[in-house]
Amino acid sequence: MNNNPQIGNLGEFRLIKLIEDLVSKKTGKELLRDDSFFFPLKDEELDNNLILNSDMLVSSTDIPPQMSSYQIGRKSVIMNISDLIVKGVKPKGIIISLGLPKEFKKDDFINLIVGIIDCCMNFNLDYIGGDINETKEIIINPTIFGFKTPSAVIFRKGMKTGDILIANNKFGLTGVGFDLLLNKNADLTVFPNYDRSIMSVLEPEIPGDEAYILSEHNLASSSIDSSDGLAKSLIDLMLSNPNYGFEIDFNENLIDPEALLYSQELNVPLQKLVFNGGEEFIHLFTINPKSFDAAQKEVNAKGGQIFKIGKVISEEKIYLLKENEKFELKSRGFEHFK
């Protein structure tokens, strides 16, 4: 008897039962069996908005060959959680639609679901249910939601000339990680000095609670997460705030030391690693310069960190300031269908 059959031999109903059993075993909660999914609003949340996000993971564009099934499931949740957290919204529940090839192994399916469940549990997030279908490649499409008073949400729109651009981590690790995994077919045994870069791709993390702190004290004028890469994220902020752009300080506040080392050792352009890496889930905020000291004090007091990496300008361009020189950033980062 084959203990690890292809999921095409199991069928949809047995796969759903596997998901139900895994959720029940790990969380003690039951999935809903209904046409829609319901999440109760508590009395104190009645004046809040329901905030939702859906960000699809597709194997051909989002999954390096070195990534395990567990890591795939985990990443599909992380990439959605980040988009809510950067708004200052705590995720409450998630619904996940799965598209899987029928050749996918049962053990891989279980590991994928466990990765999803474990990530949900780490963020106290209820996995409510979803859908499953047969597809040619792995497709995971979560919909995540939370609640927030609209006045406390940090939207993309809102930045002004002179606002300081801050980040809650430094850039370049995933640029290194993707270069190693995709272009050099590397792993930790081949490049042990770059374990943080490789793991930033295989097991990405959300840096911290800075968005909650800035939201609570109404200190940020706009926000975005950098999952599409720093260059693309800055452009998206500009699209939401016409007539504004950025001056970026290309220095140690912006660049992770491991990316700098990799650039020097393997002769890879540092600017490419920093601006085009993507999937870093670093959170970017703009903040009135008069509020920066207060923001830094509040964040530091709660164990967080913010780095001043640039400022907002009244011109729709992105300039880099490097060694007393100023030049325009032409890169637009990754874009689907290009």
C-alpha atoms as a PDB file:
ATOM      1  CA  MET A   1       0.000   0.000   0.000  1.00  0.00           C
ATOM      2  CA  ASN A   2       1.313   3.448  -0.982  1.00  0.00           C
ATOM      3  CA  ASN A   3       1.422   5.626   2.130  1.00  0.00           C
ATOM      4  CA  ASN A   4       2.278   8.708   0.099  1.00  0.00           C
ATOM      5  CA  PRO A   5       0.007   8.661  -2.977  1.00  0.00           C
ATOM      6  CA  GLN A   6      -0.445  11.472  -5.455  1.00  0.00           C
ATOM      7  CA  ILE A   7      -3.284  13.741  -4.378  1.00  0.00           C
ATOM      8  CA  GLY A   8      -5.010  13.001  -7.685  1.00  0.00           C
ATOM      9  CA  ASN A   9      -5.662   9.542  -6.280  1.00  0.00           C
ATOM     10  CA  LEU A  10      -7.269  10.933  -3.129  1.00  0.00           C
ATOM     11  CA  GLY A  11      -9.876  13.329  -4.510  1.00  0.00           C
ATOM     12  CA  GLU A  12     -11.212  16.666  -3.277  1.00  0.00           C
ATOM     13  CA  PHE A  13     -13.313  15.362  -0.384  1.00  0.00           C
ATOM     14  CA  ARG A  14     -10.454  13.425   1.220  1.00  0.00           C
ATOM     15  CA  LEU A  15      -8.156  16.431   0.830  1.00  0.00           C
ATOM     16  CA  ILE A  16     -10.714  18.686   2.531  1.00  0.00           C
ATOM     17  CA  LYS A  17     -11.044  16.095   5.310  1.00  0.00           C
ATOM     18  CA  LEU A  18      -7.247  16.122   5.703  1.00  0.00           C
ATOM     19  CA  ILE A  19      -7.303  19.923   6.067  1.00  0.00           C
ATOM     20  CA  GLU A  20     -10.134  19.730   8.615  1.00  0.00           C
ATOM     21  CA  ASP A  21      -8.316  17.082  10.640  1.00  0.00           C
ATOM     22  CA  LEU A  22      -5.037  19.014  10.643  1.00  0.00           C
ATOM     23  CA  VAL A  23      -6.702  22.282  11.673  1.00  0.00           C
ATOM     24  CA  SER A  24      -8.649  20.527  14.439  1.00  0.00           C
ATOM     25  CA  LYS A  25      -5.576  18.664  15.719  1.00  0.00           C
ATOM     26  CA  LYS A  26      -3.293  21.706  15.803  1.00  0.00           C
ATOM     27  CA  THR A  27      -5.709  24.471  16.835  1.00  0.00           C
ATOM     28  CA  GLY A  28      -8.649  22.718  18.514  1.00  0.00           C
ATOM     29  CA  LYS A  29     -11.004  24.625  16.184  1.00  0.00           C
ATOM     30  CA  GLU A  30     -13.297  23.378  13.447  1.00  0.00           C
ATOM     31  CA  LEU A  31     -13.549  24.588   9.859  1.00  0.00           C
ATOM     32  CA  LEU A  32     -16.948  25.891   8.762  1.00  0.00           C
ATOM     33  CA  ARG A  33     -18.917  23.837   6.243  1.00  0.00           C
ATOM     34  CA  ASP A  34     -21.109  26.372   4.468  1.00  0.00           C
ATOM     35  CA  ASP A  35     -21.444  28.396   1.239  1.00  0.00           C
ATOM     36  CA  SER A  36     -19.937  31.481   2.890  1.00  0.00           C
ATOM     37  CA  PHE A  37     -17.749  32.113   5.901  1.00  0.00           C
ATOM     38  CA  PHE A  38     -18.824  34.161   8.896  1.00  0.00           C
ATOM     39  CA  PHE A  39     -16.716  36.023  11.412  1.00  0.00           C
ATOM     40  CA  PRO A  40     -18.589  37.604  14.344  1.00  0.00           C
ATOM     41  CA  LEU A  41     -18.143  41.294  15.115  1.00  0.00           C
ATOM     42  CA  LYS A  42     -17.868  42.013  18.822  1.00  0.00           C
ATOM     43  CA  ASP A  43     -19.789  44.978  20.196  1.00  0.00           C
ATOM     44  CA  GLU A  44     -16.672  47.114  20.553  1.00  0.00           C
ATOM     45  CA  GLU A  45     -15.795  46.445  16.898  1.00  0.00           C
ATOM     46  CA  LEU A  46     -19.106  47.552  15.380  1.00  0.00           C
ATOM     47  CA  ASP A  47     -17.742  50.973  14.433  1.00  0.00           C
ATOM     48  CA  ASN A  48     -14.670  49.433  12.773  1.00  0.00           C
ATOM     49  CA  ASN A  49     -14.106  48.670   9.126  1.00  0.00           C
ATOM     50  CA  LEU A  50     -13.544  45.145   7.884  1.00  0.00           C
ATOM     51  CA  ILE A  51     -10.085  45.268   6.234  1.00  0.00           C
ATOM     52  CA  LEU A  52      -9.263  42.567   3.664  1.00  0.00           C
ATOM     53  CA  ASN A  53      -6.314  41.558   1.509  1.00  0.00           C
ATOM     54  CA  SER A  54      -5.737  38.826  -1.061  1.00  0.00           C
ATOM     55  CA  ASP A  55      -2.263  38.143  -2.466  1.00  0.00           C
ATOM     56  CA  MET A  56      -1.795  35.064  -4.651  1.00  0.00           C
ATOM     57  CA  LEU A  57       1.202  32.720  -4.508  1.00  0.00           C
ATOM     58  CA  VAL A  58       2.018  30.943  -7.801  1.00  0.00           C
ATOM     59  CA  SER A  59       4.740  28.321  -8.004  1.00  0.00           C
ATOM     60  CA  SER A  60       6.258  29.471 -11.313  1.00  0.00           C
ATOM     61  CA  THR A  61       6.911  33.012 -10.036  1.00  0.00           C
ATOM     62  CA  ASP A  62       7.006  32.739  -6.233  1.00  0.00           C
ATOM     63  CA  ILE A  63       8.564  29.399  -5.299  1.00  0.00           C
ATOM     64  CA  PRO A  64      12.301  28.680  -5.662  1.00  0.00           C
ATOM     65  CA  PRO A  65      13.037  24.977  -6.286  1.00  0.00           C
ATOM     66  CA  GLN A  66      14.801  24.727  -2.895  1.00  0.00           C
ATOM     67  CA  MET A  67      11.634  25.701  -0.990  1.00  0.00           C
ATOM     68  CA  SER A  68       9.900  22.902   0.924  1.00  0.00           C
ATOM     69  CA  SER A  69       6.149  22.341   0.970  1.00  0.00           C
ATOM     70  CA  TYR A  70       6.041  23.530   4.576  1.00  0.00           C
ATOM     71  CA  GLN A  71       7.848  26.745   3.615  1.00  0.00           C
ATOM     72  CA  ILE A  72       5.484  27.264   0.662  1.00  0.00           C
ATOM     73  CA  GLY A  73       2.434  27.092   2.923  1.00  0.00           C
ATOM     74  CA  ARG A  74       4.014  29.393   5.471  1.00  0.00           C
ATOM     75  CA  LYS A  75       5.037  31.971   2.871  1.00  0.00           C
ATOM     76  CA  SER A  76       1.525  32.122   1.390  1.00  0.00           C
ATOM     77  CA  VAL A  77       0.263  33.380   4.749  1.00  0.00           C
ATOM     78  CA  ILE A  78       3.203  35.705   5.506  1.00  0.00           C
ATOM     79  CA  MET A  79       2.799  37.599   2.240  1.00  0.00           C
ATOM     80  CA  ASN A  80      -0.836  38.357   3.076  1.00  0.00           C
ATOM     81  CA  ILE A  81      -0.324  39.128   6.752  1.00  0.00           C
ATOM     82  CA  SER A  82       2.308  41.732   5.888  1.00  0.00           C
ATOM     83  CA  ASP A  83      -0.116  43.754   3.757  1.00  0.00           C
ATOM     84  CA  LEU A  84      -2.539  44.074   6.666  1.00  0.00           C
ATOM     85  CA  ILE A  85       0.026  44.717   9.378  1.00  0.00           C
ATOM     86  CA  VAL A  86       1.655  47.595   7.474  1.00  0.00           C
ATOM     87  CA  LYS A  87      -1.714  49.346   7.590  1.00  0.00           C
ATOM     88  CA  GLY A  88      -1.695  48.998  11.379  1.00  0.00           C
ATOM     89  CA  VAL A  89      -4.345  46.252  11.221  1.00  0.00           C
ATOM     90  CA  LYS A  90      -4.074  43.045  13.250  1.00  0.00           C
ATOM     91  CA  PRO A  91      -5.111  40.030  11.142  1.00  0.00           C
ATOM     92  CA  LYS A  92      -8.038  38.083  12.583  1.00  0.00           C
ATOM     93  CA  GLY A  93      -9.053  35.429  10.050  1.00  0.00           C
ATOM     94  CA  ILE A  94      -8.005  33.833   6.775  1.00  0.00           C
ATOM     95  CA  ILE A  95      -9.761  31.917   3.983  1.00  0.00           C
ATOM     96  CA  ILE A  96      -7.525  30.035   1.534  1.00  0.00           C
ATOM     97  CA  SER A  97      -8.240  28.749  -1.965  1.00  0.00           C
ATOM     98  CA  LEU A  98      -5.803  26.058  -3.117  1.00  0.00           C
ATOM     99  CA  GLY A  99      -4.967  25.020  -6.671  1.00  0.00           C
ATOM    100  CA  LEU A 100      -2.805  21.883  -6.753  1.00  0.00           C
ATOM    101  CA  PRO A 101      -1.554  19.466  -9.446  1.00  0.00           C
ATOM    102  CA  LYS A 102      -2.942  15.973  -9.092  1.00  0.00           C
ATOM    103  CA  GLU A 103       0.642  14.609  -9.035  1.00  0.00           C
ATOM    104  CA  PHE A 104       1.317  16.480  -5.770  1.00  0.00           C
ATOM    105  CA  LYS A 105       2.180  13.984  -3.027  1.00  0.00           C
ATOM    106  CA  LYS A 106       0.015  13.482   0.060  1.00  0.00           C
ATOM    107  CA  ASP A 107       2.932  14.097   2.444  1.00  0.00           C
ATOM    108  CA  ASP A 108       3.761  17.331   0.618  1.00  0.00           C
ATOM    109  CA  PHE A 109       0.119  18.367   0.874  1.00  0.00           C
ATOM    110  CA  ILE A 110       0.112  17.714   4.622  1.00  0.00           C
ATOM    111  CA  ASN A 111       3.345  19.673   5.093  1.00  0.00           C
ATOM    112  CA  LEU A 112       1.961  22.576   3.065  1.00  0.00           C
ATOM    113  CA  ILE A 113      -1.181  22.736   5.206  1.00  0.00           C
ATOM    114  CA  VAL A 114       0.841  22.443   8.423  1.00  0.00           C
ATOM    115  CA  GLY A 115       2.987  25.367   7.224  1.00  0.00           C
ATOM    116  CA  ILE A 116      -0.181  27.397   6.726  1.00  0.00           C
ATOM    117  CA  ILE A 117      -1.596  26.427  10.121  1.00  0.00           C
ATOM    118  CA  ASP A 118       1.631  27.044  12.040  1.00  0.00           C
ATOM    119  CA  CYS A 119       1.988  30.527  10.545  1.00  0.00           C
ATOM    120  CA  CYS A 120      -1.643  31.287  11.384  1.00  0.00           C
ATOM    121  CA  MET A 121      -1.096  30.164  14.964  1.00  0.00           C
ATOM    122  CA  ASN A 122       2.031  32.325  15.296  1.00  0.00           C
ATOM    123  CA  PHE A 123      -0.079  35.393  14.522  1.00  0.00           C
ATOM    124  CA  ASN A 124      -3.181  34.248  16.439  1.00  0.00           C
ATOM    125  CA  LEU A 125      -5.010  34.092  13.127  1.00  0.00           C
ATOM    126  CA  ASP A 126      -8.112  31.919  12.604  1.00  0.00           C
ATOM    127  CA  TYR A 127      -7.919  29.621   9.566  1.00  0.00           C
ATOM    128  CA  ILE A 128     -11.603  29.548   8.684  1.00  0.00           C
ATOM    129  CA  GLY A 129     -11.785  27.525   5.473  1.00  0.00           C
ATOM    130  CA  GLY A 130     -11.584  27.939   1.702  1.00  0.00           C
ATOM    131  CA  ASP A 131     -11.680  25.998  -1.567  1.00  0.00           C
ATOM    132  CA  ILE A 132      -9.529  23.447  -3.406  1.00  0.00           C
ATOM    133  CA  ASN A 133      -9.195  22.695  -7.119  1.00  0.00           C
ATOM    134  CA  GLU A 134      -6.954  20.827  -9.548  1.00  0.00           C
ATOM    135  CA  THR A 135      -4.475  23.073 -11.398  1.00  0.00           C
ATOM    136  CA  LYS A 136      -1.331  22.677 -13.510  1.00  0.00           C
ATOM    137  CA  GLU A 137       0.884  24.290 -10.864  1.00  0.00           C
ATOM    138  CA  ILE A 138       0.662  25.208  -7.175  1.00  0.00           C
ATOM    139  CA  ILE A 139      -1.564  28.247  -6.632  1.00  0.00           C
ATOM    140  CA  ILE A 140      -2.445  29.460  -3.144  1.00  0.00           C
ATOM    141  CA  ASN A 141      -4.844  32.370  -2.911  1.00  0.00           C
ATOM    142  CA  PRO A 142      -5.538  33.471   0.671  1.00  0.00           C
ATOM    143  CA  THR A 143      -7.976  36.183   1.683  1.00  0.00           C
ATOM    144  CA  ILE A 144      -7.091  37.691   5.039  1.00  0.00           C
ATOM    145  CA  PHE A 145      -9.084  40.139   7.122  1.00  0.00           C
ATOM    146  CA  GLY A 146      -9.011  42.234  10.274  1.00  0.00           C
ATOM    147  CA  PHE A 147     -10.813  45.195  11.807  1.00  0.00           C
ATOM    148  CA  LYS A 148      -9.747  48.798  12.279  1.00  0.00           C
ATOM    149  CA  THR A 149     -11.222  52.221  12.880  1.00  0.00           C
ATOM    150  CA  PRO A 150     -10.652  54.021   9.540  1.00  0.00           C
ATOM    151  CA  SER A 151      -8.990  57.006  11.210  1.00  0.00           C
ATOM    152  CA  ALA A 152      -6.273  54.691  12.583  1.00  0.00           C
ATOM    153  CA  VAL A 153      -5.460  52.941   9.276  1.00  0.00           C
ATOM    154  CA  ILE A 154      -2.160  54.017   7.673  1.00  0.00           C
ATOM    155  CA  PHE A 155      -3.135  54.339   4.009  1.00  0.00           C
ATOM    156  CA  ARG A 156      -0.786  54.664   1.031  1.00  0.00           C
ATOM    157  CA  LYS A 157      -2.107  58.124   0.306  1.00  0.00           C
ATOM    158  CA  GLY A 158      -1.163  60.929   2.663  1.00  0.00           C
ATOM    159  CA  MET A 159       2.528  61.781   2.371  1.00  0.00           C
ATOM    160  CA  LYS A 160       3.693  65.392   1.996  1.00  0.00           C
ATOM    161  CA  THR A 161       6.827  67.190   0.849  1.00  0.00           C
ATOM    162  CA  GLY A 162       9.482  67.034   3.536  1.00  0.00           C
ATOM    163  CA  ASP A 163       8.100  63.908   5.199  1.00  0.00           C
ATOM    164  CA  ILE A 164      10.806  61.500   6.322  1.00  0.00           C
ATOM    165  CA  LEU A 165      10.835  58.048   4.690  1.00  0.00           C
ATOM    166  CA  ILE A 166      11.538  55.311   7.242  1.00  0.00           C
ATOM    167  CA  ALA A 167      11.796  51.514   7.164  1.00  0.00           C
ATOM    168  CA  ASN A 168      11.673  48.892   9.890  1.00  0.00           C
ATOM    169  CA  ASN A 169      14.564  46.868   8.455  1.00  0.00           C
ATOM    170  CA  LYS A 170      17.453  47.096   6.002  1.00  0.00           C
ATOM    171  CA  PHE A 171      17.322  46.010   2.367  1.00  0.00           C
ATOM    172  CA  GLY A 172      19.217  43.592   0.151  1.00  0.00           C
ATOM    173  CA  LEU A 173      18.954  40.178   1.831  1.00  0.00           C
ATOM    174  CA  THR A 174      16.400  38.727  -0.575  1.00  0.00           C
ATOM    175  CA  GLY A 175      18.293  40.203  -3.521  1.00  0.00           C
ATOM    176  CA  VAL A 176      21.243  38.089  -2.398  1.00  0.00           C
ATOM    177  CA  GLY A 177      19.053  35.104  -1.548  1.00  0.00           C
ATOM    178  CA  PHE A 178      17.298  34.990  -4.913  1.00  0.00           C
ATOM    179  CA  ASP A 179      20.587  35.399  -6.775  1.00  0.00           C
ATOM    180  CA  LEU A 180      22.047  32.438  -4.875  1.00  0.00           C
ATOM    181  CA  LEU A 181      18.985  30.205  -5.126  1.00  0.00           C
ATOM    182  CA  LEU A 182      17.913  30.948  -8.696  1.00  0.00           C
ATOM    183  CA  ASN A 183      21.120  31.890 -10.520  1.00  0.00           C
ATOM    184  CA  LYS A 184      23.688  29.797  -8.635  1.00  0.00           C
ATOM    185  CA  ASN A 185      21.466  26.895  -7.497  1.00  0.00           C
ATOM    186  CA  ALA A 186      23.032  27.320  -4.060  1.00  0.00           C
ATOM    187  CA  ASP A 187      22.100  26.251  -0.567  1.00  0.00           C
ATOM    188  CA  LEU A 188      23.426  26.841   2.952  1.00  0.00           C
ATOM    189  CA  THR A 189      26.157  24.211   2.540  1.00  0.00           C
ATOM    190  CA  VAL A 190      27.671  26.012  -0.455  1.00  0.00           C
ATOM    191  CA  PHE A 191      27.367  29.592   0.835  1.00  0.00           C
ATOM    192  CA  PRO A 192      27.241  29.352   4.661  1.00  0.00           C
ATOM    193  CA  ASN A 193      28.238  33.009   5.029  1.00  0.00           C
ATOM    194  CA  TYR A 194      24.938  34.036   3.459  1.00  0.00           C
ATOM    195  CA  ASP A 195      22.531  31.973   5.540  1.00  0.00           C
ATOM    196  CA  ARG A 196      20.466  35.043   6.492  1.00  0.00           C
ATOM    197  CA  SER A 197      20.004  35.901   2.821  1.00  0.00           C
ATOM    198  CA  ILE A 198      18.988  32.386   1.804  1.00  0.00           C
ATOM    199  CA  MET A 199      16.601  31.984   4.733  1.00  0.00           C
ATOM    200  CA  SER A 200      15.086  35.426   4.046  1.00  0.00           C
ATOM    201  CA  VAL A 201      13.742  33.857   0.836  1.00  0.00           C
ATOM    202  CA  LEU A 202      12.887  30.369   2.084  1.00  0.00           C
ATOM    203  CA  GLU A 203      11.423  31.455   5.433  1.00  0.00           C
ATOM    204  CA  PRO A 204      10.620  35.186   5.248  1.00  0.00           C
ATOM    205  CA  GLU A 205       9.791  37.076   8.411  1.00  0.00           C
ATOM    206  CA  ILE A 206       7.757  40.203   9.112  1.00  0.00           C
ATOM    207  CA  PRO A 207      10.210  42.498  10.945  1.00  0.00           C
ATOM    208  CA  GLY A 208       8.092  43.779  13.843  1.00  0.00           C
ATOM    209  CA  ASP A 209       5.169  45.693  15.317  1.00  0.00           C
ATOM    210  CA  GLU A 210       6.248  49.168  14.208  1.00  0.00           C
ATOM    211  CA  ALA A 211       3.073  49.673  12.153  1.00  0.00           C
ATOM    212  CA  TYR A 212       0.861  48.997  15.180  1.00  0.00           C
ATOM    213  CA  ILE A 213       2.825  51.501  17.244  1.00  0.00           C
ATOM    214  CA  LEU A 214       2.757  54.221  14.583  1.00  0.00           C
ATOM    215  CA  SER A 215      -0.950  53.598  13.990  1.00  0.00           C
ATOM    216  CA  GLU A 216      -1.803  53.723  17.689  1.00  0.00           C
ATOM    217  CA  HIS A 217      -0.157  57.133  18.056  1.00  0.00           C
ATOM    218  CA  ASN A 218      -1.210  58.451  14.622  1.00  0.00           C
ATOM    219  CA  LEU A 219       2.424  59.151  13.687  1.00  0.00           C
ATOM    220  CA  ALA A 220       2.676  57.955  10.049  1.00  0.00           C
ATOM    221  CA  SER A 221       1.298  59.789   7.013  1.00  0.00           C
ATOM    222  CA  SER A 222       1.493  56.796   4.612  1.00  0.00           C
ATOM    223  CA  SER A 223       2.716  53.199   4.439  1.00  0.00           C
ATOM    224  CA  ILE A 224       3.430  50.280   2.124  1.00  0.00           C
ATOM    225  CA  ASP A 225       5.134  46.907   2.412  1.00  0.00           C
ATOM    226  CA  SER A 226       8.112  46.125   0.171  1.00  0.00           C
ATOM    227  CA  SER A 227       7.047  42.675  -1.031  1.00  0.00           C
ATOM    228  CA  ASP A 228       7.322  43.802  -4.671  1.00  0.00           C
ATOM    229  CA  GLY A 229      10.792  45.237  -4.092  1.00  0.00           C
ATOM    230  CA  LEU A 230      11.890  48.649  -2.858  1.00  0.00           C
ATOM    231  CA  ALA A 231      11.854  50.295  -6.299  1.00  0.00           C
ATOM    232  CA  LYS A 232       8.326  49.086  -7.111  1.00  0.00           C
ATOM    233  CA  SER A 233       7.069  49.988  -3.618  1.00  0.00           C
ATOM    234  CA  LEU A 234       8.344  53.560  -3.939  1.00  0.00           C
ATOM    235  CA  ILE A 235       6.692  53.854  -7.345  1.00  0.00           C
ATOM    236  CA  ASP A 236       3.405  52.539  -5.923  1.00  0.00           C
ATOM    237  CA  LEU A 237       3.565  55.178  -3.172  1.00  0.00           C
ATOM    238  CA  MET A 238       4.124  57.824  -5.837  1.00  0.00           C
ATOM    239  CA  LEU A 239       1.107  56.578  -7.826  1.00  0.00           C
ATOM    240  CA  SER A 240      -1.053  57.017  -4.723  1.00  0.00           C
ATOM    241  CA  ASN A 241       0.459  60.463  -4.068  1.00  0.00           C
ATOM    242  CA  PRO A 242       0.725  62.351  -7.394  1.00  0.00           C
ATOM    243  CA  ASN A 243       3.288  65.165  -7.654  1.00  0.00           C
ATOM    244  CA  TYR A 244       5.552  63.606  -5.021  1.00  0.00           C
ATOM    245  CA  GLY A 245       8.742  61.558  -5.196  1.00  0.00           C
ATOM    246  CA  PHE A 246      11.729  60.586  -3.064  1.00  0.00           C
ATOM    247  CA  GLU A 247      15.337  61.246  -2.301  1.00  0.00           C
ATOM    248  CA  ILE A 248      16.900  58.037  -0.951  1.00  0.00           C
ATOM    249  CA  ASP A 249      20.107  57.986   1.082  1.00  0.00           C
ATOM    250  CA  PHE A 250      22.173  55.089  -0.273  1.00  0.00           C
ATOM    251  CA  ASN A 251      23.990  54.308   2.978  1.00  0.00           C
ATOM    252  CA  GLU A 252      24.195  51.936   5.966  1.00  0.00           C
ATOM    253  CA  ASN A 253      20.671  52.829   7.139  1.00  0.00           C
ATOM    254  CA  LEU A 254      19.306  51.396   3.890  1.00  0.00           C
ATOM    255  CA  ILE A 255      21.625  48.474   3.122  1.00  0.00           C
ATOM    256  CA  ASP A 256      21.985  45.218   5.044  1.00  0.00           C
ATOM    257  CA  PRO A 257      25.694  44.435   5.673  1.00  0.00           C
ATOM    258  CA  GLU A 258      25.303  40.944   4.186  1.00  0.00           C
ATOM    259  CA  ALA A 259      24.164  42.460   0.886  1.00  0.00           C
ATOM    260  CA  LEU A 260      27.134  44.829   0.890  1.00  0.00           C
ATOM    261  CA  LEU A 261      29.530  41.929   1.497  1.00  0.00           C
ATOM    262  CA  TYR A 262      27.941  39.822  -1.251  1.00  0.00           C
ATOM    263  CA  SER A 263      28.128  42.703  -3.726  1.00  0.00           C
ATOM    264  CA  GLN A 264      31.835  43.139  -3.018  1.00  0.00           C
ATOM    265  CA  GLU A 265      32.755  39.433  -3.003  1.00  0.00           C
ATOM    266  CA  LEU A 266      30.803  38.330  -6.068  1.00  0.00           C
ATOM    267  CA  ASN A 267      30.794  41.600  -8.023  1.00  0.00           C
ATOM    268  CA  VAL A 268      26.993  41.935  -8.118  1.00  0.00           C
ATOM    269  CA  PRO A 269      25.612  45.508  -8.395  1.00  0.00           C
ATOM    270  CA  LEU A 270      24.581  46.601  -4.901  1.00  0.00           C
ATOM    271  CA  GLN A 271      21.840  48.865  -6.243  1.00  0.00           C
ATOM    272  CA  LYS A 272      20.185  45.856  -7.926  1.00  0.00           C
ATOM    273  CA  LEU A 273      20.277  43.805  -4.720  1.00  0.00           C
ATOM    274  CA  VAL A 274      18.741  46.633  -2.670  1.00  0.00           C
ATOM    275  CA  PHE A 275      16.058  47.899  -5.036  1.00  0.00           C
ATOM    276  CA  ASN A 276      15.018  44.852  -7.074  1.00  0.00           C
ATOM    277  CA  GLY A 277      15.143  41.974  -4.563  1.00  0.00           C
ATOM    278  CA  GLY A 278      11.495  41.849  -3.591  1.00  0.00           C
ATOM    279  CA  GLU A 279       9.577  39.696  -1.103  1.00  0.00           C
ATOM    280  CA  GLU A 280      11.346  41.260   1.874  1.00  0.00           C
ATOM    281  CA  PHE A 281       8.139  42.265   3.681  1.00  0.00           C
ATOM    282  CA  ILE A 282       9.918  45.279   5.122  1.00  0.00           C
ATOM    283  CA  HIS A 283       7.508  48.058   6.045  1.00  0.00           C
ATOM    284  CA  LEU A 284       7.940  51.578   4.704  1.00  0.00           C
ATOM    285  CA  PHE A 285       6.373  54.665   6.273  1.00  0.00           C
ATOM    286  CA  THR A 286       6.433  58.393   5.694  1.00  0.00           C
ATOM    287  CA  ILE A 287       6.310  60.605   8.740  1.00  0.00           C
ATOM    288  CA  ASN A 288       6.235  64.333   9.447  1.00  0.00           C
ATOM    289  CA  PRO A 289       9.761  65.374  10.525  1.00  0.00           C
ATOM    290  CA  LYS A 290       8.271  66.987  13.638  1.00  0.00           C
ATOM    291  CA  SER A 291       6.974  63.561  14.670  1.00  0.00           C
ATOM    292  CA  PHE A 292      10.132  61.539  14.015  1.00  0.00           C
ATOM    293  CA  ASP A 293      11.656  61.812  17.496  1.00  0.00           C
ATOM    294  CA  ALA A 294       8.349  60.828  19.112  1.00  0.00           C
ATOM    295  CA  ALA A 295       7.980  57.908  16.718  1.00  0.00           C
ATOM    296  CA  GLN A 296      11.499  56.661  17.381  1.00  0.00           C
ATOM    297  CA  LYS A 297      10.969  56.944  21.126  1.00  0.00           C
ATOM    298  CA  GLU A 298       7.688  54.968  21.043  1.00  0.00           C
ATOM    299  CA  VAL A 299       9.092  52.295  18.735  1.00  0.00           C
ATOM    300  CA  ASN A 300      12.318  51.843  20.699  1.00  0.00           C
ATOM    301  CA  ALA A 301      10.409  51.651  23.987  1.00  0.00           C
ATOM    302  CA  LYS A 302       8.502  48.632  22.655  1.00  0.00           C
ATOM    303  CA  GLY A 303      11.534  46.836  21.248  1.00  0.00           C
ATOM    304  CA  GLY A 304      11.112  47.915  17.630  1.00  0.00           C
ATOM    305  CA  GLN A 305      13.352  49.746  15.204  1.00  0.00           C
ATOM    306  CA  ILE A 306      13.050  52.319  12.448  1.00  0.00           C
ATOM    307  CA  PHE A 307      15.680  53.591  10.029  1.00  0.00           C
ATOM    308  CA  LYS A 308      15.616  56.983   8.325  1.00  0.00           C
ATOM    309  CA  ILE A 309      16.288  56.212   4.630  1.00  0.00           C
ATOM    310  CA  GLY A 310      15.159  59.314   2.742  1.00  0.00           C
ATOM    311  CA  LYS A 311      12.565  62.019   2.355  1.00  0.00           C
ATOM    312  CA  VAL A 312       9.579  63.022   0.224  1.00  0.00           C
ATOM    313  CA  ILE A 313      10.166  65.634  -2.494  1.00  0.00           C
ATOM    314  CA  SER A 314       7.801  67.672  -4.688  1.00  0.00           C
ATOM    315  CA  GLU A 315       8.882  65.988  -7.937  1.00  0.00           C
ATOM    316  CA  GLU A 316       7.660  62.687  -9.381  1.00  0.00           C
ATOM    317  CA  LYS A 317      11.091  61.081  -9.485  1.00  0.00           C
ATOM    318  CA  ILE A 318      13.266  58.881  -7.281  1.00  0.00           C
ATOM    319  CA  TYR A 319      16.788  60.141  -6.669  1.00  0.00           C
ATOM    320  CA  LEU A 320      19.647  58.336  -4.946  1.00  0.00           C
ATOM    321  CA  LEU A 321      22.095  60.303  -2.831  1.00  0.00           C
ATOM    322  CA  LYS A 322      25.418  58.488  -2.750  1.00  0.00           C
ATOM    323  CA  GLU A 323      28.815  59.880  -1.741  1.00  0.00           C
ATOM    324  CA  ASN A 324      27.754  63.482  -2.312  1.00  0.00           C
ATOM    325  CA  GLU A 325      26.343  62.618  -5.757  1.00  0.00           C
ATOM    326  CA  LYS A 326      22.692  62.641  -6.837  1.00  0.00           C
ATOM    327  CA  PHE A 327      21.310  60.525  -9.667  1.00  0.00           C
ATOM    328  CA  GLU A 328      17.890  59.266 -10.732  1.00  0.00           C
ATOM    329  CA  LEU A 329      16.799  55.696 -10.081  1.00  0.00           C
ATOM    330  CA  LYS A 330      15.531  54.276 -13.379  1.00  0.00           C
ATOM    331  CA  SER A 331      14.665  50.749 -12.202  1.00  0.00           C
ATOM    332  CA  ARG A 332      10.965  50.009 -11.808  1.00  0.00           C
ATOM    333  CA  GLY A 333      11.443  46.612 -10.152  1.00  0.00           C
ATOM    334  CA  PHE A 334       9.548  43.405 -10.911  1.00  0.00           C
ATOM    335  CA  GLU A 335       6.231  43.571 -12.739  1.00  0.00           C
ATOM    336  CA  HIS A 336       4.021  40.639 -13.774  1.00  0.00           C
ATOM    337  CA  PHE A 337       3.382  40.146 -17.543  1.00  0.00           C
ATOM    338  CA  LYS A 338       6.497  42.160 -18.482  1.00  0.00           C
END
